[in-house]
C-alpha atoms as a PDB file:
ATOM      1  CA  MET A   1      11.763   4.593 -12.238  1.00  0.00           C
ATOM      2  CA  ARG A   2      10.960   7.393 -14.448  1.00  0.00           C
ATOM      3  CA  ILE A   3       7.786   7.979 -16.360  1.00  0.00           C
ATOM      4  CA  VAL A   4       8.247   8.506 -20.034  1.00  0.00           C
ATOM      5  CA  ALA A   5       4.738   8.268 -21.509  1.00  0.00           C
ATOM      6  CA  ARG A   6       1.246   7.726 -20.372  1.00  0.00           C
ATOM      7  CA  ASN A   7      -1.757   6.263 -22.571  1.00  0.00           C
ATOM      8  CA  VAL A   8       0.232   5.775 -25.715  1.00  0.00           C
ATOM      9  CA  ARG A   9      -1.875   4.657 -28.558  1.00  0.00           C
ATOM     10  CA  LEU A  10      -0.426   2.570 -31.284  1.00  0.00           C
ATOM     11  CA  LYS A  11      -2.122   0.732 -34.218  1.00  0.00           C
ATOM     12  CA  ASN A  12      -3.301  -2.075 -32.567  1.00  0.00           C
ATOM     13  CA  GLY A  13      -3.811  -1.030 -28.895  1.00  0.00           C
ATOM     14  CA  GLU A  14      -2.561   1.303 -26.033  1.00  0.00           C
ATOM     15  CA  LEU A  15       0.201   0.908 -23.307  1.00  0.00           C
ATOM     16  CA  ASP A  16      -0.805   2.564 -20.131  1.00  0.00           C
ATOM     17  CA  LEU A  17       2.590   3.502 -19.014  1.00  0.00           C
ATOM     18  CA  ILE A  18       5.933   3.729 -20.327  1.00  0.00           C
ATOM     19  CA  THR A  19       8.828   4.124 -17.860  1.00  0.00           C
ATOM     20  CA  THR A  20      12.531   3.897 -17.480  1.00  0.00           C
ATOM     21  CA  ASP A  21      14.369   1.948 -14.805  1.00  0.00           C
ATOM     22  CA  GLY A  22      18.004   2.449 -15.546  1.00  0.00           C
ATOM     23  CA  ARG A  23      18.832   1.585 -19.089  1.00  0.00           C
ATOM     24  CA  GLN A  24      15.586  -0.799 -19.117  1.00  0.00           C
ATOM     25  CA  ILE A  25      12.416   0.615 -20.660  1.00  0.00           C
ATOM     26  CA  VAL A  26       9.470  -0.560 -18.527  1.00  0.00           C
ATOM     27  CA  PHE A  27       6.006  -1.091 -20.244  1.00  0.00           C
ATOM     28  CA  VAL A  28       3.664  -1.193 -17.268  1.00  0.00           C
ATOM     29  CA  GLU A  29      -0.212  -2.265 -17.549  1.00  0.00           C
ATOM     30  CA  VAL A  30      -2.313  -0.892 -14.700  1.00  0.00           C
ATOM     31  CA  LYS A  31      -5.604  -2.915 -13.765  1.00  0.00           C
ATOM     32  CA  THR A  32      -7.818  -0.736 -11.543  1.00  0.00           C
ATOM     33  CA  ARG A  33     -11.071  -1.741  -9.633  1.00  0.00           C
ATOM     34  CA  ILE A  34     -13.339  -0.095  -6.953  1.00  0.00           C
ATOM     35  CA  VAL A  35     -13.859  -1.939  -4.275  1.00  0.00           C
ATOM     36  CA  SER A  36     -16.924  -1.749  -1.690  1.00  0.00           C
ATOM     37  CA  GLY A  37     -15.160  -4.257   0.892  1.00  0.00           C
ATOM     38  CA  ASP A  38     -18.679  -5.090   1.785  1.00  0.00           C
ATOM     39  CA  SER A  39     -18.816  -8.624   0.113  1.00  0.00           C
ATOM     40  CA  SER A  40     -16.346 -11.485   0.255  1.00  0.00           C
ATOM     41  CA  ALA A  41     -16.764 -11.631  -3.592  1.00  0.00           C
ATOM     42  CA  ASP A  42     -15.246  -7.966  -3.762  1.00  0.00           C
ATOM     43  CA  ARG A  43     -12.502  -8.907  -1.605  1.00  0.00           C
ATOM     44  CA  GLY A  44     -11.665 -12.330  -3.304  1.00  0.00           C
ATOM     45  CA  ILE A  45     -11.164 -11.155  -7.018  1.00  0.00           C
ATOM     46  CA  ASP A  46      -7.577 -10.109  -7.885  1.00  0.00           C
ATOM     47  CA  PRO A  47      -7.468  -7.160 -10.549  1.00  0.00           C
ATOM     48  CA  LEU A  48      -4.538  -8.972 -11.982  1.00  0.00           C
ATOM     49  CA  LEU A  49      -6.508 -12.046 -13.061  1.00  0.00           C
ATOM     50  CA  ASN A  50      -7.925  -9.555 -16.095  1.00  0.00           C
ATOM     51  CA  VAL A  51      -4.601  -9.835 -17.745  1.00  0.00           C
ATOM     52  CA  SER A  52      -5.263 -12.898 -19.866  1.00  0.00           C
ATOM     53  CA  THR A  53      -2.913 -15.060 -22.163  1.00  0.00           C
ATOM     54  CA  GLU A  54      -4.414 -12.976 -24.968  1.00  0.00           C
ATOM     55  CA  LYS A  55      -3.791  -9.586 -23.395  1.00  0.00           C
ATOM     56  CA  SER A  56      -0.263 -10.604 -22.255  1.00  0.00           C
ATOM     57  CA  ALA A  57       0.465 -11.517 -25.864  1.00  0.00           C
ATOM     58  CA  ARG A  58      -1.133  -8.010 -27.136  1.00  0.00           C
ATOM     59  CA  LEU A  59       1.168  -6.272 -24.423  1.00  0.00           C
ATOM     60  CA  HIS A  60       4.278  -8.073 -25.963  1.00  0.00           C
ATOM     61  CA  ARG A  61       3.335  -7.041 -29.443  1.00  0.00           C
ATOM     62  CA  LEU A  62       2.449  -3.463 -28.633  1.00  0.00           C
ATOM     63  CA  SER A  63       5.940  -3.195 -26.504  1.00  0.00           C
ATOM     64  CA  ARG A  64       7.703  -4.588 -29.512  1.00  0.00           C
ATOM     65  CA  ALA A  65       6.001  -2.276 -31.892  1.00  0.00           C
ATOM     66  CA  TYR A  66       6.914   0.957 -29.631  1.00  0.00           C
ATOM     67  CA  LEU A  67      10.414  -0.142 -29.232  1.00  0.00           C
ATOM     68  CA  GLN A  68      10.559  -0.777 -33.169  1.00  0.00           C
ATOM     69  CA  ILE A  69       9.122   2.897 -33.962  1.00  0.00           C
ATOM     70  CA  HIS A  70      11.201   4.776 -31.407  1.00  0.00           C
ATOM     71  CA  PHE A  71      14.506   2.469 -31.246  1.00  0.00           C
ATOM     72  CA  GLY A  72      14.504   0.414 -34.458  1.00  0.00           C
ATOM     73  CA  GLU A  73      16.357  -3.024 -34.129  1.00  0.00           C
ATOM     74  CA  GLN A  74      19.038  -1.593 -31.625  1.00  0.00           C
ATOM     75  CA  HIS A  75      16.227  -1.234 -28.591  1.00  0.00           C
ATOM     76  CA  PRO A  76      17.488  -1.036 -25.075  1.00  0.00           C
ATOM     77  CA  PRO A  77      16.369  -4.059 -22.963  1.00  0.00           C
ATOM     78  CA  TYR A  78      12.715  -4.157 -21.743  1.00  0.00           C
ATOM     79  CA  ARG A  79      10.296  -5.669 -19.471  1.00  0.00           C
ATOM     80  CA  ILE A  80       6.554  -5.499 -18.829  1.00  0.00           C
ATOM     81  CA  ASP A  81       5.244  -4.636 -15.265  1.00  0.00           C
ATOM     82  CA  LEU A  82       1.520  -5.129 -13.745  1.00  0.00           C
ATOM     83  CA  VAL A  83       0.273  -2.929 -11.222  1.00  0.00           C
ATOM     84  CA  ALA A  84      -2.846  -3.374  -9.484  1.00  0.00           C
ATOM     85  CA  VAL A  85      -4.834  -0.840  -8.069  1.00  0.00           C
ATOM     86  CA  GLU A  86      -7.943  -0.936  -5.797  1.00  0.00           C
ATOM     87  CA  LEU A  87      -9.944   2.127  -4.890  1.00  0.00           C
ATOM     88  CA  ASN A  88     -12.143   2.763  -1.974  1.00  0.00           C
ATOM     89  CA  PRO A  89     -15.596   3.636  -3.519  1.00  0.00           C
ATOM     90  CA  ARG A  90     -16.293   6.605  -1.318  1.00  0.00           C
ATOM     91  CA  SER A  91     -12.872   8.438  -1.486  1.00  0.00           C
ATOM     92  CA  LEU A  92     -11.669   7.014  -4.835  1.00  0.00           C
ATOM     93  CA  GLU A  93      -8.245   6.911  -3.308  1.00  0.00           C
ATOM     94  CA  TYR A  94      -6.280   3.760  -3.263  1.00  0.00           C
ATOM     95  CA  SER A  95      -6.599   1.078  -0.719  1.00  0.00           C
ATOM     96  CA  THR A  96      -4.276  -1.323  -2.007  1.00  0.00           C
ATOM     97  CA  LEU A  97      -1.480  -0.797  -4.649  1.00  0.00           C
ATOM     98  CA  ARG A  98       0.597  -3.593  -5.951  1.00  0.00           C
ATOM     99  CA  HIS A  99       3.423  -3.861  -8.303  1.00  0.00           C
ATOM    100  CA  LEU A 100       4.470  -6.969 -10.291  1.00  0.00           C
ATOM    101  CA  ARG A 101       7.952  -6.512 -11.618  1.00  0.00           C
ATOM    102  CA  GLY A 102       8.175  -8.616 -14.935  1.00  0.00           C
ATOM    103  CA  GLU A 103      11.236 -10.482 -16.335  1.00  0.00           C
ATOM    104  CA  GLY A 104      13.469  -9.033 -18.765  1.00  0.00           C
END
């Protein structure tokens, strides 16, 4: 995968990352949280749970808008991936990184 753009602002929102994977355009939603590891509540919450049905629909709308602006009707295939990053509060280095590949 190659990063094409970061923090792309469109009329109705922002796309975190846009990458390419071969001929496919990949829109990546990044969810980050700091995890102290001191409480069971911290360890039990998945940052990807913050991607609601509404957020998912918005990501699809934003992705299609980006494709329309940059490629028109004849756009390449695309998908939407999710990345969860959990950071150590002391170092702010990631302790966990998960990539969920979307369909497309």
